[in-house]
């Protein structure tokens, strides 16, 4: 359309879904009828418009942020898989290691052999094998050495089913986890490099206690803050606005909509935890929400969501107004003077 010079609009799918239920009183979906409905919405102006990234750099940053969260989810799944595999084959493993995805545990997983072959290894050869599998990473060799007798005892136990295939599954899971962690590091480095070239970086990083990486994720997933004329639009973009439920005398539980971008919501939530831990203004707000007496107290997670929404609104204001963050005490002093 752009190459041909033809004007177009991008209709938000949620607008089509709501209009479909309004006009047909059914969630039925077919391509021909939906195309006709989208045409009617476009001609009548009854739709919410979507926008493509304004530049290649903005699009690349958004894709990097989305890929980071995809890889992070895959890495978390591999950690769970490692935990399940070790618990199935050798529950005593967790008496030595708490985290099956730490550097030493991953090196042991990559060095693992079928238990019948481990029986013939000496402690010196086992440590040498773990060293090679660590690939230069620092490992706790004393813990690795203490695990070898446990593995041999498991093989000798006639009541235990120590399969020959499980060590290979643990090895592959450890290799995948290591590879995904390397991918996360590469994506993080590339995203931070692009973030450092943006003029918005200095404004967002002016918030004391904020993590620059989560600022970079937020900026990449939002795009151009100037597109949104109200800070609450960023909150809705994240899907973290609070929905109220009530009918007559009945009052339901309020909860966030979850209709926005889940990756943006995750980045802002992690930033909120950083701010509560390292920023006095946000810490005071957090404790006021969980200890207030005039209204219903909020649970910790609900309070973190409230702080997250505050962070998104403040980020919008800083970027659109081209201002740096002023702590509450300094803002109060400036107003008084």
Protein backbone atom coordinates (compact mmCIF):
# COMPACT_ATOMS: atom_id res chain seq x y z
CA UNK A 1 0.00 0.00 0.00
CA UNK A 2 2.78 2.45 0.90
CA UNK A 3 4.74 1.70 -2.27
CA UNK A 4 1.59 2.31 -4.32
CA UNK A 5 0.80 5.52 -2.43
CA UNK A 6 -2.57 4.17 -1.28
CA UNK A 7 -3.81 5.33 2.15
CA UNK A 8 -4.75 2.58 4.58
CA UNK A 9 -5.64 1.97 8.21
CA UNK A 10 -4.72 -0.93 10.48
CA UNK A 11 -7.67 -2.02 12.61
CA UNK A 12 -7.02 -3.41 16.07
CA UNK A 13 -8.42 -6.99 16.21
CA UNK A 14 -10.08 -6.32 19.57
CA UNK A 15 -12.25 -3.68 17.86
CA UNK A 16 -13.41 -6.26 15.33
CA UNK A 17 -14.12 -8.79 18.07
CA UNK A 18 -16.25 -6.37 20.08
CA UNK A 19 -18.11 -5.13 16.98
CA UNK A 20 -18.76 -8.72 15.91
CA UNK A 21 -20.42 -9.54 19.22
CA UNK A 22 -22.41 -6.30 19.05
CA UNK A 23 -23.74 -6.83 15.51
CA UNK A 24 -24.22 -10.61 15.46
CA UNK A 25 -24.73 -11.43 19.15
CA UNK A 26 -22.36 -14.36 18.68
CA UNK A 27 -18.58 -14.94 18.71
CA UNK A 28 -18.85 -16.66 15.31
CA UNK A 29 -15.89 -15.84 13.06
CA UNK A 30 -15.61 -16.20 9.27
CA UNK A 31 -13.18 -14.41 6.97
CA UNK A 32 -15.73 -13.06 4.43
CA UNK A 33 -18.07 -11.64 7.07
CA UNK A 34 -15.16 -10.26 9.11
CA UNK A 35 -13.76 -8.52 6.02
CA UNK A 36 -17.14 -6.92 5.41
CA UNK A 37 -17.35 -5.86 9.07
CA UNK A 38 -13.83 -4.38 9.00
CA UNK A 39 -14.78 -2.37 5.90
CA UNK A 40 -17.85 -1.00 7.67
CA UNK A 41 -15.85 -0.09 10.78
CA UNK A 42 -13.21 1.67 8.66
CA UNK A 43 -15.72 3.75 6.68
CA UNK A 44 -17.63 4.72 9.85
CA UNK A 45 -14.49 5.45 11.88
CA UNK A 46 -15.56 3.02 14.62
CA UNK A 47 -12.25 1.31 15.25
CA UNK A 48 -9.03 1.51 17.20
CA UNK A 49 -6.09 2.00 14.88
CA UNK A 50 -2.81 0.11 15.09
CA UNK A 51 0.49 1.60 13.97
CA UNK A 52 3.64 0.10 12.57
CA UNK A 53 7.04 1.11 14.02
CA UNK A 54 8.10 4.49 12.69
CA UNK A 55 11.68 3.45 11.84
CA UNK A 56 13.83 0.41 11.27
CA UNK A 57 15.70 1.00 14.56
CA UNK A 58 12.44 1.14 16.50
CA UNK A 59 11.23 -2.07 14.86
CA UNK A 60 14.57 -3.83 15.49
CA UNK A 61 14.55 -2.83 19.17
CA UNK A 62 11.00 -4.14 19.57
CA UNK A 63 11.93 -7.46 17.95
CA UNK A 64 15.01 -7.78 20.17
CA UNK A 65 12.89 -7.20 23.28
CA UNK A 66 10.29 -9.75 22.21
CA UNK A 67 12.97 -12.31 21.34
CA UNK A 68 14.59 -11.74 24.73
CA UNK A 69 11.38 -12.69 26.51
CA UNK A 70 10.89 -15.72 24.25
CA UNK A 71 14.41 -16.94 25.04
CA UNK A 72 13.91 -16.19 28.73
CA UNK A 73 10.80 -18.37 28.79
CA UNK A 74 12.63 -21.18 27.01
CA UNK A 75 15.52 -20.95 29.49
CA UNK A 76 13.08 -21.13 32.41
CA UNK A 77 11.49 -24.21 30.85
CA UNK A 78 14.91 -25.88 30.57
CA UNK A 79 15.59 -25.16 34.23
CA UNK A 80 12.32 -26.86 35.17
CA UNK A 81 13.20 -29.78 32.91
CA UNK A 82 16.59 -30.16 34.58
CA UNK A 83 14.95 -30.12 38.00
CA UNK A 84 12.51 -32.85 36.99
CA UNK A 85 15.19 -35.03 35.36
CA UNK A 86 17.53 -34.86 38.34
CA UNK A 87 14.69 -35.51 40.78
CA UNK A 88 13.65 -38.57 38.78
CA UNK A 89 17.13 -40.06 38.47
CA UNK A 90 18.91 -38.86 41.62
CA UNK A 91 16.88 -37.04 44.32
CA UNK A 92 20.06 -36.85 46.43
CA UNK A 93 21.39 -34.34 43.90
CA UNK A 94 19.46 -31.58 45.71
CA UNK A 95 21.27 -32.29 48.95
CA UNK A 96 24.39 -31.00 47.15
CA UNK A 97 22.92 -28.37 44.80
CA UNK A 98 19.95 -26.15 45.40
CA UNK A 99 19.78 -24.82 41.85
CA UNK A 100 20.08 -27.37 39.00
CA UNK A 101 20.93 -24.52 36.58
CA UNK A 102 23.91 -23.02 38.43
CA UNK A 103 27.29 -23.09 36.68
CA UNK A 104 28.63 -26.09 38.58
CA UNK A 105 25.41 -28.08 38.13
CA UNK A 106 25.37 -27.32 34.40
CA UNK A 107 29.00 -28.43 34.08
CA UNK A 108 28.15 -31.68 35.87
CA UNK A 109 25.13 -32.17 33.62
CA UNK A 110 27.23 -31.67 30.48
CA UNK A 111 29.89 -34.09 31.84
CA UNK A 112 27.39 -36.75 32.85
CA UNK A 113 27.67 -40.32 31.53
CA UNK A 114 25.46 -43.38 31.97
CA UNK A 115 25.83 -44.62 35.55
CA UNK A 116 27.42 -47.86 34.40
CA UNK A 117 30.24 -45.87 32.81
CA UNK A 118 30.62 -43.53 35.78
CA UNK A 119 31.30 -46.58 37.93
CA UNK A 120 34.72 -46.94 36.31
CA UNK A 121 35.76 -43.29 36.72
CA UNK A 122 38.21 -42.21 39.38
CA UNK A 123 37.67 -38.94 41.28
CA UNK A 124 40.58 -37.37 39.38
CA UNK A 125 39.20 -38.31 35.95
CA UNK A 126 35.71 -37.17 36.99
CA UNK A 127 37.00 -33.75 38.07
CA UNK A 128 38.94 -33.44 34.81
CA UNK A 129 35.78 -34.23 32.87
CA UNK A 130 33.81 -31.60 34.80
CA UNK A 131 36.56 -29.03 34.17
CA UNK A 132 36.36 -29.61 30.42
CA UNK A 133 32.57 -29.39 30.47
CA UNK A 134 32.73 -26.08 32.40
CA UNK A 135 34.41 -24.41 29.37
CA UNK A 136 36.39 -22.05 31.55
CA UNK A 137 33.53 -21.04 33.83
CA UNK A 138 34.27 -21.04 37.59
CA UNK A 139 32.88 -24.16 39.26
CA UNK A 140 32.87 -25.65 42.75
CA UNK A 141 35.04 -28.72 42.27
CA UNK A 142 34.55 -29.92 45.84
CA UNK A 143 30.81 -30.24 45.28
CA UNK A 144 31.36 -31.96 41.96
CA UNK A 145 33.68 -34.45 43.69
CA UNK A 146 31.14 -35.11 46.45
CA UNK A 147 28.49 -36.02 43.85
CA UNK A 148 30.47 -38.88 42.26
CA UNK A 149 30.08 -41.33 45.22
CA UNK A 150 26.35 -40.59 45.27
CA UNK A 151 26.08 -41.43 41.56
CA UNK A 152 28.02 -44.68 42.05
CA UNK A 153 25.88 -45.65 45.05
CA UNK A 154 22.74 -45.08 42.99
CA UNK A 155 24.06 -47.44 40.32
CA UNK A 156 24.84 -50.16 42.89
CA UNK A 157 21.45 -49.95 44.57
CA UNK A 158 19.36 -52.86 43.19
CA UNK A 159 16.11 -51.28 44.34
CA UNK A 160 16.70 -48.12 42.33
CA UNK A 161 15.89 -47.88 38.65
CA UNK A 162 18.81 -45.82 37.39
CA UNK A 163 18.11 -45.81 33.67
CA UNK A 164 20.91 -45.46 31.15
CA UNK A 165 19.01 -42.91 29.06
CA UNK A 166 18.33 -40.25 31.68
CA UNK A 167 21.95 -38.95 31.85
CA UNK A 168 21.78 -38.14 28.14
CA UNK A 169 18.54 -36.23 28.64
CA UNK A 170 20.12 -34.27 31.50
CA UNK A 171 23.18 -33.53 29.37
CA UNK A 172 21.10 -32.22 26.47
CA UNK A 173 18.94 -30.11 28.78
CA UNK A 174 22.07 -28.60 30.38
CA UNK A 175 23.52 -27.80 26.95
CA UNK A 176 20.27 -26.17 25.86
CA UNK A 177 20.12 -24.11 29.06
CA UNK A 178 23.70 -22.93 28.55
CA UNK A 179 22.97 -22.03 24.92
CA UNK A 180 19.82 -20.10 25.83
CA UNK A 181 21.67 -18.16 28.53
CA UNK A 182 24.27 -17.18 25.93
CA UNK A 183 21.48 -16.04 23.61
CA UNK A 184 19.97 -13.96 26.41
CA UNK A 185 23.31 -12.28 27.03
CA UNK A 186 23.73 -11.47 23.32
CA UNK A 187 20.21 -10.07 23.01
CA UNK A 188 20.68 -8.01 26.16
CA UNK A 189 23.98 -6.56 24.92
CA UNK A 190 22.53 -5.65 21.51
CA UNK A 191 19.43 -4.08 23.07
CA UNK A 192 21.49 -2.01 25.50
CA UNK A 193 23.72 -0.82 22.67
CA UNK A 194 20.71 0.42 20.71
CA UNK A 195 19.17 1.91 23.86
CA UNK A 196 22.32 3.93 24.54
CA UNK A 197 21.91 5.74 21.21
CA UNK A 198 18.35 6.89 22.00
CA UNK A 199 17.79 10.37 23.43
CA UNK A 200 15.13 8.95 25.75
CA UNK A 201 17.74 6.87 27.58
CA UNK A 202 19.05 9.77 29.67
CA UNK A 203 15.51 10.74 30.68
CA UNK A 204 14.45 7.25 31.75
CA UNK A 205 17.74 6.53 33.51
CA UNK A 206 17.30 9.72 35.56
CA UNK A 207 14.81 7.79 37.75
CA UNK A 208 16.90 6.83 40.80
CA UNK A 209 17.02 3.11 41.45
CA UNK A 210 15.76 2.13 38.01
CA UNK A 211 17.48 -0.63 36.06
CA UNK A 212 18.64 0.64 32.63
CA UNK A 213 17.93 -2.75 31.06
CA UNK A 214 14.26 -2.67 32.05
CA UNK A 215 14.10 0.92 30.84
CA UNK A 216 15.47 -0.31 27.52
CA UNK A 217 12.86 -3.08 27.35
CA UNK A 218 10.07 -0.64 28.17
CA UNK A 219 11.19 1.85 25.54
CA UNK A 220 11.59 -0.87 22.91
CA UNK A 221 8.15 -2.37 23.54
CA UNK A 222 6.31 0.97 23.74
CA UNK A 223 8.08 2.55 20.78
CA UNK A 224 7.44 6.26 20.36
CA UNK A 225 5.90 7.70 23.53
CA UNK A 226 4.72 10.72 21.53
CA UNK A 227 2.03 8.57 19.89
CA UNK A 228 0.14 8.35 23.17
CA UNK A 229 -1.46 11.59 24.32
CA UNK A 230 -2.23 10.32 27.83
CA UNK A 231 0.00 8.40 30.29
CA UNK A 232 -2.89 6.03 31.00
CA UNK A 233 -2.64 4.85 27.39
CA UNK A 234 0.74 3.27 28.23
CA UNK A 235 -0.86 1.46 31.16
CA UNK A 236 -3.56 0.10 28.87
CA UNK A 237 -0.93 -0.85 26.30
CA UNK A 238 0.63 -3.03 29.00
CA UNK A 239 -2.76 -4.46 29.95
CA UNK A 240 -2.28 -3.54 33.60
CA UNK A 241 -5.22 -1.19 34.06
CA UNK A 242 -7.59 -2.22 36.85
CA UNK A 243 -11.08 -3.41 35.89
CA UNK A 244 -13.93 -3.08 38.38
CA UNK A 245 -16.71 -5.67 38.63
CA UNK A 246 -20.01 -4.86 40.36
CA UNK A 247 -23.73 -5.41 39.83
CA UNK A 248 -26.36 -4.26 42.29
CA UNK A 249 -25.30 -5.24 45.78
CA UNK A 250 -22.66 -7.61 44.43
CA UNK A 251 -19.07 -6.43 44.18
CA UNK A 252 -16.54 -8.69 42.50
CA UNK A 253 -12.78 -8.79 42.75
CA UNK A 254 -10.92 -6.10 40.83
CA UNK A 255 -8.14 -7.32 38.58
CA UNK A 256 -6.03 -6.09 35.70
CA UNK A 257 -7.26 -6.64 32.15
CA UNK A 258 -4.26 -8.61 30.75
CA UNK A 259 -5.31 -7.35 27.28
CA UNK A 260 -2.09 -5.53 26.46
CA UNK A 261 1.45 -6.56 25.65
CA UNK A 262 2.53 -9.20 28.12
CA UNK A 263 6.24 -8.55 27.50
CA UNK A 264 5.81 -4.86 28.38
CA UNK A 265 3.90 -5.86 31.48
CA UNK A 266 6.68 -8.22 32.54
CA UNK A 267 9.41 -5.62 32.00
CA UNK A 268 7.52 -2.93 33.91
CA UNK A 269 6.75 -5.33 36.77
CA UNK A 270 10.42 -6.22 37.18
CA UNK A 271 11.27 -2.53 37.08
CA UNK A 272 8.71 -1.90 39.83
CA UNK A 273 10.47 -4.41 42.07
CA UNK A 274 13.77 -2.65 41.42
CA UNK A 275 12.26 0.74 42.25
CA UNK A 276 10.67 -0.43 45.49
CA UNK A 277 14.04 -1.82 46.56
CA UNK A 278 16.18 1.18 45.57
CA UNK A 279 13.97 4.30 45.30
CA UNK A 280 12.60 6.02 48.41
CA UNK A 281 9.58 7.58 46.66
CA UNK A 282 8.37 4.27 45.23
CA UNK A 283 9.19 2.41 48.45
CA UNK A 284 7.03 4.82 50.46
CA UNK A 285 4.17 4.40 48.01
CA UNK A 286 4.47 0.62 48.12
CA UNK A 287 4.35 0.45 51.93
CA UNK A 288 1.48 2.96 52.02
CA UNK A 289 -0.55 0.67 49.76
CA UNK A 290 0.03 -2.50 51.75
CA UNK A 291 -0.46 -0.86 55.17
CA UNK A 292 -3.17 1.71 54.51
CA UNK A 293 -6.14 1.88 56.91
CA UNK A 294 -8.64 4.16 55.16
CA UNK A 295 -9.08 1.78 52.21
CA UNK A 296 -8.66 -1.92 51.63
CA UNK A 297 -5.08 -3.03 51.96
CA UNK A 298 -3.42 -4.35 48.84
CA UNK A 299 -1.49 -7.58 48.64
CA UNK A 300 2.17 -7.31 47.77
CA UNK A 301 1.66 -8.26 44.13
CA UNK A 302 -1.22 -5.80 43.77
CA UNK A 303 0.96 -3.06 45.26
CA UNK A 304 3.74 -3.91 42.81
CA UNK A 305 1.23 -3.55 39.96
CA UNK A 306 0.24 -0.11 41.28
CA UNK A 307 3.91 0.91 41.42
CA UNK A 308 4.38 -0.51 37.92
CA UNK A 309 1.56 1.66 36.59
CA UNK A 310 3.11 4.69 38.31
CA UNK A 311 6.42 3.93 36.62
CA UNK A 312 4.78 3.72 33.18
CA UNK A 313 2.96 7.02 33.69
CA UNK A 314 6.13 8.73 34.91
CA UNK A 315 8.11 7.33 31.97
CA UNK A 316 5.55 8.78 29.55
CA UNK A 317 5.69 12.18 31.24
CA UNK A 318 9.49 12.33 31.29
CA UNK A 319 9.87 11.40 27.62
CA UNK A 320 7.06 13.57 26.22
CA UNK A 321 8.01 16.61 28.32
CA UNK A 322 11.75 16.09 27.87
CA UNK A 323 12.36 16.39 31.60
CA UNK A 324 14.50 14.47 34.06
CA UNK A 325 13.03 12.86 37.15
CA UNK A 326 12.80 14.95 40.31
CA UNK A 327 12.42 13.17 43.68
CA UNK A 328 9.34 14.01 45.71
CA UNK A 329 11.29 16.13 48.18
CA UNK A 330 12.77 18.27 45.43
CA UNK A 331 9.39 18.66 43.69
CA UNK A 332 7.79 19.77 46.94
CA UNK A 333 10.61 22.27 47.61
CA UNK A 334 10.30 23.66 44.07
CA UNK A 335 6.56 24.18 44.47
CA UNK A 336 6.98 25.91 47.82
CA UNK A 337 9.62 28.28 46.48
